[in-house]
Amino acid sequence: MNKKMKIKFKLLGKNIKELREKYNLSLNELSIKSGIRKRYLQKIESGTAYGFKISHLDKLTMVFDGNLKDILKDL
């Protein structure tokens, strides 16, 4: 994976963490609401989940009230 893609994954993780905190959710609560394992959410937030799937994006968008714009900002 090239450096540019790694930066984008880091930005995506930062955006998701900011939204999780904005919605006052712990990682465990986000895991329960999204159906995504807590450990994988930690990887997403740290920018090391390089196998991030569109289905995960869809699940997170649902948890964050359809707020895809903020999930993808600066990408």
PDB file of N, CA and C in Angstrom:
ATOM      1  N   MET A   1       0.844  -1.175   0.000  1.00  0.00           N
ATOM      2  CA  MET A   1       0.000   0.000   0.000  1.00  0.00           C
ATOM      3  C   MET A   1       0.891   1.241   0.000  1.00  0.00           C
ATOM      4  N   ASN A   2       0.511   2.202  -0.806  1.00  0.00           N
ATOM      5  CA  ASN A   2       1.342   3.393  -0.905  1.00  0.00           C
ATOM      6  C   ASN A   2       1.071   4.382   0.238  1.00  0.00           C
ATOM      7  N   LYS A   3       1.946   5.329   0.359  1.00  0.00           N
ATOM      8  CA  LYS A   3       1.887   6.298   1.462  1.00  0.00           C
ATOM      9  C   LYS A   3       0.611   7.135   1.424  1.00  0.00           C
ATOM     10  N   LYS A   4       0.168   7.498   0.231  1.00  0.00           N
ATOM     11  CA  LYS A   4      -1.040   8.308   0.086  1.00  0.00           C
ATOM     12  C   LYS A   4      -2.271   7.572   0.629  1.00  0.00           C
ATOM     13  N   MET A   5      -2.367   6.289   0.351  1.00  0.00           N
ATOM     14  CA  MET A   5      -3.497   5.503   0.858  1.00  0.00           C
ATOM     15  C   MET A   5      -3.441   5.362   2.377  1.00  0.00           C
ATOM     16  N   LYS A   6      -2.251   5.183   2.920  1.00  0.00           N
ATOM     17  CA  LYS A   6      -2.112   5.080   4.371  1.00  0.00           C
ATOM     18  C   LYS A   6      -2.570   6.369   5.047  1.00  0.00           C
ATOM     19  N   ILE A   7      -2.265   7.497   4.441  1.00  0.00           N
ATOM     20  CA  ILE A   7      -2.703   8.789   4.988  1.00  0.00           C
ATOM     21  C   ILE A   7      -4.225   8.877   4.954  1.00  0.00           C
ATOM     22  N   LYS A   8      -4.837   8.400   3.888  1.00  0.00           N
ATOM     23  CA  LYS A   8      -6.294   8.429   3.783  1.00  0.00           C
ATOM     24  C   LYS A   8      -6.950   7.533   4.840  1.00  0.00           C
ATOM     25  N   PHE A   9      -6.367   6.375   5.098  1.00  0.00           N
ATOM     26  CA  PHE A   9      -6.898   5.506   6.156  1.00  0.00           C
ATOM     27  C   PHE A   9      -6.763   6.167   7.531  1.00  0.00           C
ATOM     28  N   LYS A  10      -5.680   6.881   7.757  1.00  0.00           N
ATOM     29  CA  LYS A  10      -5.503   7.605   9.021  1.00  0.00           C
ATOM     30  C   LYS A  10      -6.566   8.696   9.165  1.00  0.00           C
ATOM     31  N   LEU A  11      -6.817   9.433   8.087  1.00  0.00           N
ATOM     32  CA  LEU A  11      -7.842  10.481   8.114  1.00  0.00           C
ATOM     33  C   LEU A  11      -9.233   9.888   8.348  1.00  0.00           C
ATOM     34  N   LEU A  12      -9.524   8.777   7.695  1.00  0.00           N
ATOM     35  CA  LEU A  12     -10.804   8.109   7.886  1.00  0.00           C
ATOM     36  C   LEU A  12     -10.973   7.702   9.350  1.00  0.00           C
ATOM     37  N   GLY A  13      -9.939   7.117   9.921  1.00  0.00           N
ATOM     38  CA  GLY A  13      -9.992   6.713  11.324  1.00  0.00           C
ATOM     39  C   GLY A  13     -10.184   7.893  12.256  1.00  0.00           C
ATOM     40  N   LYS A  14      -9.506   8.991  11.973  1.00  0.00           N
ATOM     41  CA  LYS A  14      -9.635  10.213  12.778  1.00  0.00           C
ATOM     42  C   LYS A  14     -11.066  10.724  12.719  1.00  0.00           C
ATOM     43  N   ASN A  15     -11.642  10.744  11.526  1.00  0.00           N
ATOM     44  CA  ASN A  15     -13.019  11.215  11.365  1.00  0.00           C
ATOM     45  C   ASN A  15     -14.006  10.341  12.140  1.00  0.00           C
ATOM     46  N   ILE A  16     -13.817   9.047  12.075  1.00  0.00           N
ATOM     47  CA  ILE A  16     -14.722   8.122  12.776  1.00  0.00           C
ATOM     48  C   ILE A  16     -14.583   8.287  14.282  1.00  0.00           C
ATOM     49  N   LYS A  17     -13.373   8.438  14.767  1.00  0.00           N
ATOM     50  CA  LYS A  17     -13.165   8.646  16.198  1.00  0.00           C
ATOM     51  C   LYS A  17     -13.819   9.944  16.655  1.00  0.00           C
ATOM     52  N   GLU A  18     -13.673  11.009  15.875  1.00  0.00           N
ATOM     53  CA  GLU A  18     -14.296  12.286  16.222  1.00  0.00           C
ATOM     54  C   GLU A  18     -15.815  12.160  16.286  1.00  0.00           C
ATOM     55  N   LEU A  19     -16.392  11.444  15.325  1.00  0.00           N
ATOM     56  CA  LEU A  19     -17.843  11.243  15.346  1.00  0.00           C
ATOM     57  C   LEU A  19     -18.269  10.393  16.533  1.00  0.00           C
ATOM     58  N   ARG A  20     -17.507   9.360  16.820  1.00  0.00           N
ATOM     59  CA  ARG A  20     -17.840   8.505  17.977  1.00  0.00           C
ATOM     60  C   ARG A  20     -17.858   9.339  19.248  1.00  0.00           C
ATOM     61  N   GLU A  21     -16.869  10.198  19.401  1.00  0.00           N
ATOM     62  CA  GLU A  21     -16.799  11.053  20.584  1.00  0.00           C
ATOM     63  C   GLU A  21     -17.924  12.094  20.575  1.00  0.00           C
ATOM     64  N   LYS A  22     -18.236  12.634  19.414  1.00  0.00           N
ATOM     65  CA  LYS A  22     -19.334  13.603  19.286  1.00  0.00           C
ATOM     66  C   LYS A  22     -20.658  12.975  19.714  1.00  0.00           C
ATOM     67  N   TYR A  23     -20.841  11.695  19.377  1.00  0.00           N
ATOM     68  CA  TYR A  23     -22.061  10.975  19.736  1.00  0.00           C
ATOM     69  C   TYR A  23     -21.976  10.348  21.130  1.00  0.00           C
ATOM     70  N   ASN A  24     -20.895  10.652  21.846  1.00  0.00           N
ATOM     71  CA  ASN A  24     -20.684  10.144  23.210  1.00  0.00           C
ATOM     72  C   ASN A  24     -20.777   8.623  23.293  1.00  0.00           C
ATOM     73  N   LEU A  25     -20.108   7.956  22.360  1.00  0.00           N
ATOM     74  CA  LEU A  25     -20.108   6.497  22.337  1.00  0.00           C
ATOM     75  C   LEU A  25     -18.722   5.970  22.699  1.00  0.00           C
ATOM     76  N   SER A  26     -18.691   4.935  23.500  1.00  0.00           N
ATOM     77  CA  SER A  26     -17.436   4.225  23.736  1.00  0.00           C
ATOM     78  C   SER A  26     -17.205   3.296  22.543  1.00  0.00           C
ATOM     79  N   LEU A  27     -16.004   2.767  22.449  1.00  0.00           N
ATOM     80  CA  LEU A  27     -15.744   1.784  21.389  1.00  0.00           C
ATOM     81  C   LEU A  27     -16.683   0.593  21.523  1.00  0.00           C
ATOM     82  N   ASN A  28     -16.920   0.173  22.746  1.00  0.00           N
ATOM     83  CA  ASN A  28     -17.802  -0.968  22.977  1.00  0.00           C
ATOM     84  C   ASN A  28     -19.227  -0.661  22.502  1.00  0.00           C
ATOM     85  N   GLU A  29     -19.725   0.541  22.812  1.00  0.00           N
ATOM     86  CA  GLU A  29     -21.072   0.915  22.379  1.00  0.00           C
ATOM     87  C   GLU A  29     -21.162   1.000  20.855  1.00  0.00           C
ATOM     88  N   LEU A  30     -20.130   1.568  20.232  1.00  0.00           N
ATOM     89  CA  LEU A  30     -20.120   1.646  18.773  1.00  0.00           C
ATOM     90  C   LEU A  30     -20.079   0.248  18.161  1.00  0.00           C
ATOM     91  N   SER A  31     -19.349  -0.640  18.788  1.00  0.00           N
ATOM     92  CA  SER A  31     -19.275  -2.022  18.320  1.00  0.00           C
ATOM     93  C   SER A  31     -20.657  -2.673  18.349  1.00  0.00           C
ATOM     94  N   ILE A  32     -21.355  -2.490  19.441  1.00  0.00           N
ATOM     95  CA  ILE A  32     -22.690  -3.077  19.584  1.00  0.00           C
ATOM     96  C   ILE A  32     -23.653  -2.482  18.562  1.00  0.00           C
ATOM     97  N   LYS A  33     -23.639  -1.168  18.414  1.00  0.00           N
ATOM     98  CA  LYS A  33     -24.570  -0.501  17.497  1.00  0.00           C
ATOM     99  C   LYS A  33     -24.271  -0.803  16.026  1.00  0.00           C
ATOM    100  N   SER A  34     -22.992  -0.945  15.693  1.00  0.00           N
ATOM    101  CA  SER A  34     -22.618  -1.144  14.289  1.00  0.00           C
ATOM    102  C   SER A  34     -22.489  -2.607  13.888  1.00  0.00           C
ATOM    103  N   GLY A  35     -22.277  -3.473  14.873  1.00  0.00           N
ATOM    104  CA  GLY A  35     -22.036  -4.880  14.564  1.00  0.00           C
ATOM    105  C   GLY A  35     -20.612  -5.145  14.106  1.00  0.00           C
ATOM    106  N   ILE A  36     -19.724  -4.175  14.315  1.00  0.00           N
ATOM    107  CA  ILE A  36     -18.311  -4.310  13.952  1.00  0.00           C
ATOM    108  C   ILE A  36     -17.531  -4.592  15.233  1.00  0.00           C
ATOM    109  N   ARG A  37     -16.661  -5.590  15.192  1.00  0.00           N
ATOM    110  CA  ARG A  37     -15.896  -5.961  16.393  1.00  0.00           C
ATOM    111  C   ARG A  37     -15.116  -4.764  16.941  1.00  0.00           C
ATOM    112  N   LYS A  38     -15.063  -4.692  18.262  1.00  0.00           N
ATOM    113  CA  LYS A  38     -14.370  -3.598  18.946  1.00  0.00           C
ATOM    114  C   LYS A  38     -12.910  -3.509  18.513  1.00  0.00           C
ATOM    115  N   ARG A  39     -12.240  -4.631  18.439  1.00  0.00           N
ATOM    116  CA  ARG A  39     -10.821  -4.638  18.049  1.00  0.00           C
ATOM    117  C   ARG A  39     -10.632  -4.082  16.643  1.00  0.00           C
ATOM    118  N   TYR A  40     -11.567  -4.391  15.750  1.00  0.00           N
ATOM    119  CA  TYR A  40     -11.466  -3.867  14.396  1.00  0.00           C
ATOM    120  C   TYR A  40     -11.745  -2.364  14.375  1.00  0.00           C
ATOM    121  N   LEU A  41     -12.686  -1.910  15.199  1.00  0.00           N
ATOM    122  CA  LEU A  41     -12.942  -0.475  15.305  1.00  0.00           C
ATOM    123  C   LEU A  41     -11.698   0.264  15.800  1.00  0.00           C
ATOM    124  N   GLN A  42     -10.971  -0.360  16.728  1.00  0.00           N
ATOM    125  CA  GLN A  42      -9.721   0.243  17.198  1.00  0.00           C
ATOM    126  C   GLN A  42      -8.737   0.393  16.047  1.00  0.00           C
ATOM    127  N   LYS A  43      -8.664  -0.618  15.194  1.00  0.00           N
ATOM    128  CA  LYS A  43      -7.773  -0.553  14.029  1.00  0.00           C
ATOM    129  C   LYS A  43      -8.228   0.526  13.050  1.00  0.00           C
ATOM    130  N   ILE A  44      -9.522   0.629  12.852  1.00  0.00           N
ATOM    131  CA  ILE A  44     -10.050   1.667  11.960  1.00  0.00           C
ATOM    132  C   ILE A  44      -9.646   3.044  12.483  1.00  0.00           C
ATOM    133  N   GLU A  45      -9.896   3.275  13.772  1.00  0.00           N
ATOM    134  CA  GLU A  45      -9.587   4.580  14.357  1.00  0.00           C
ATOM    135  C   GLU A  45      -8.096   4.892  14.345  1.00  0.00           C
ATOM    136  N   SER A  46      -7.274   3.881  14.433  1.00  0.00           N
ATOM    137  CA  SER A  46      -5.828   4.118  14.424  1.00  0.00           C
ATOM    138  C   SER A  46      -5.278   4.207  13.002  1.00  0.00           C
ATOM    139  N   GLY A  47      -6.136   3.948  12.020  1.00  0.00           N
ATOM    140  CA  GLY A  47      -5.716   4.031  10.623  1.00  0.00           C
ATOM    141  C   GLY A  47      -4.965   2.819  10.123  1.00  0.00           C
ATOM    142  N   THR A  48      -5.088   1.693  10.819  1.00  0.00           N
ATOM    143  CA  THR A  48      -4.363   0.488  10.425  1.00  0.00           C
ATOM    144  C   THR A  48      -5.288  -0.619   9.908  1.00  0.00           C
ATOM    145  N   ALA A  49      -6.545  -0.304   9.651  1.00  0.00           N
ATOM    146  CA  ALA A  49      -7.505  -1.283   9.133  1.00  0.00           C
ATOM    147  C   ALA A  49      -7.531  -1.180   7.619  1.00  0.00           C
ATOM    148  N   TYR A  50      -6.523  -1.730   6.985  1.00  0.00           N
ATOM    149  CA  TYR A  50      -6.374  -1.556   5.547  1.00  0.00           C
ATOM    150  C   TYR A  50      -7.377  -2.364   4.729  1.00  0.00           C
ATOM    151  N   GLY A  51      -8.076  -3.281   5.342  1.00  0.00           N
ATOM    152  CA  GLY A  51      -9.090  -4.056   4.635  1.00  0.00           C
ATOM    153  C   GLY A  51     -10.482  -3.500   4.862  1.00  0.00           C
ATOM    154  N   PHE A  52     -10.575  -2.210   5.120  1.00  0.00           N
ATOM    155  CA  PHE A  52     -11.854  -1.548   5.402  1.00  0.00           C
ATOM    156  C   PHE A  52     -12.836  -1.797   4.257  1.00  0.00           C
ATOM    157  N   LYS A  53     -14.035  -2.228   4.608  1.00  0.00           N
ATOM    158  CA  LYS A  53     -15.035  -2.605   3.604  1.00  0.00           C
ATOM    159  C   LYS A  53     -16.143  -1.549   3.510  1.00  0.00           C
ATOM    160  N   ILE A  54     -16.753  -1.490   2.359  1.00  0.00           N
ATOM    161  CA  ILE A  54     -17.893  -0.586   2.150  1.00  0.00           C
ATOM    162  C   ILE A  54     -19.014  -0.937   3.128  1.00  0.00           C
ATOM    163  N   SER A  55     -19.178  -2.210   3.434  1.00  0.00           N
ATOM    164  CA  SER A  55     -20.236  -2.600   4.378  1.00  0.00           C
ATOM    165  C   SER A  55     -19.988  -1.998   5.762  1.00  0.00           C
ATOM    166  N   HIS A  56     -18.716  -1.857   6.136  1.00  0.00           N
ATOM    167  CA  HIS A  56     -18.407  -1.204   7.416  1.00  0.00           C
ATOM    168  C   HIS A  56     -18.782   0.273   7.355  1.00  0.00           C
ATOM    169  N   LEU A  57     -18.492   0.889   6.240  1.00  0.00           N
ATOM    170  CA  LEU A  57     -18.839   2.297   6.056  1.00  0.00           C
ATOM    171  C   LEU A  57     -20.350   2.483   6.148  1.00  0.00           C
ATOM    172  N   ASP A  58     -21.089   1.571   5.548  1.00  0.00           N
ATOM    173  CA  ASP A  58     -22.547   1.621   5.590  1.00  0.00           C
ATOM    174  C   ASP A  58     -23.058   1.487   7.028  1.00  0.00           C
ATOM    175  N   LYS A  59     -22.503   0.554   7.775  1.00  0.00           N
ATOM    176  CA  LYS A  59     -22.925   0.342   9.166  1.00  0.00           C
ATOM    177  C   LYS A  59     -22.617   1.571  10.026  1.00  0.00           C
ATOM    178  N   LEU A  60     -21.438   2.148   9.847  1.00  0.00           N
ATOM    179  CA  LEU A  60     -21.067   3.322  10.625  1.00  0.00           C
ATOM    180  C   LEU A  60     -21.922   4.528  10.242  1.00  0.00           C
ATOM    181  N   THR A  61     -22.238   4.648   8.969  1.00  0.00           N
ATOM    182  CA  THR A  61     -23.095   5.744   8.523  1.00  0.00           C
ATOM    183  C   THR A  61     -24.461   5.657   9.192  1.00  0.00           C
ATOM    184  N   MET A  62     -24.989   4.457   9.333  1.00  0.00           N
ATOM    185  CA  MET A  62     -26.282   4.260   9.989  1.00  0.00           C
ATOM    186  C   MET A  62     -26.213   4.685  11.456  1.00  0.00           C
ATOM    187  N   VAL A  63     -25.146   4.307  12.149  1.00  0.00           N
ATOM    188  CA  VAL A  63     -24.988   4.669  13.564  1.00  0.00           C
ATOM    189  C   VAL A  63     -24.901   6.184  13.723  1.00  0.00           C
ATOM    190  N   PHE A  64     -24.210   6.831  12.780  1.00  0.00           N
ATOM    191  CA  PHE A  64     -24.014   8.277  12.854  1.00  0.00           C
ATOM    192  C   PHE A  64     -25.084   9.030  12.066  1.00  0.00           C
ATOM    193  N   ASP A  65     -26.309   8.521  12.076  1.00  0.00           N
ATOM    194  CA  ASP A  65     -27.476   9.192  11.501  1.00  0.00           C
ATOM    195  C   ASP A  65     -27.292   9.589  10.044  1.00  0.00           C
ATOM    196  N   GLY A  66     -26.678   8.734   9.266  1.00  0.00           N
ATOM    197  CA  GLY A  66     -26.505   9.004   7.845  1.00  0.00           C
ATOM    198  C   GLY A  66     -25.462  10.056   7.528  1.00  0.00           C
ATOM    199  N   ASN A  67     -24.581  10.309   8.479  1.00  0.00           N
ATOM    200  CA  ASN A  67     -23.607  11.390   8.362  1.00  0.00           C
ATOM    201  C   ASN A  67     -22.355  10.945   7.589  1.00  0.00           C
ATOM    202  N   LEU A  68     -22.537  10.553   6.346  1.00  0.00           N
ATOM    203  CA  LEU A  68     -21.414  10.092   5.515  1.00  0.00           C
ATOM    204  C   LEU A  68     -20.441  11.233   5.210  1.00  0.00           C
ATOM    205  N   LYS A  69     -20.969  12.433   5.078  1.00  0.00           N
ATOM    206  CA  LYS A  69     -20.139  13.590   4.754  1.00  0.00           C
ATOM    207  C   LYS A  69     -19.025  13.776   5.785  1.00  0.00           C
ATOM    208  N   ASP A  70     -19.351  13.686   7.074  1.00  0.00           N
ATOM    209  CA  ASP A  70     -18.340  13.862   8.116  1.00  0.00           C
ATOM    210  C   ASP A  70     -17.396  12.668   8.220  1.00  0.00           C
ATOM    211  N   ILE A  71     -17.866  11.496   7.898  1.00  0.00           N
ATOM    212  CA  ILE A  71     -16.991  10.315   7.902  1.00  0.00           C
ATOM    213  C   ILE A  71     -15.911  10.470   6.831  1.00  0.00           C
ATOM    214  N   LEU A  72     -16.297  11.005   5.691  1.00  0.00           N
ATOM    215  CA  LEU A  72     -15.380  11.082   4.553  1.00  0.00           C
ATOM    216  C   LEU A  72     -14.704  12.455   4.381  1.00  0.00           C
ATOM    217  N   LYS A  73     -14.928  13.370   5.316  1.00  0.00           N
ATOM    218  CA  LYS A  73     -14.359  14.721   5.137  1.00  0.00           C
ATOM    219  C   LYS A  73     -12.832  14.661   5.018  1.00  0.00           C
ATOM    220  N   ASP A  74     -12.296  15.535   4.227  1.00  0.00           N
ATOM    221  CA  ASP A  74     -10.856  15.676   3.983  1.00  0.00           C
ATOM    222  C   ASP A  74     -10.228  14.501   3.232  1.00  0.00           C
ATOM    223  N   LEU A  75     -11.031  13.595   2.735  1.00  0.00           N
ATOM    224  CA  LEU A  75     -10.481  12.492   1.954  1.00  0.00           C
ATOM    225  C   LEU A  75     -10.530  12.907   0.529  1.00  0.00           C
TER     226      LEU A  75
END
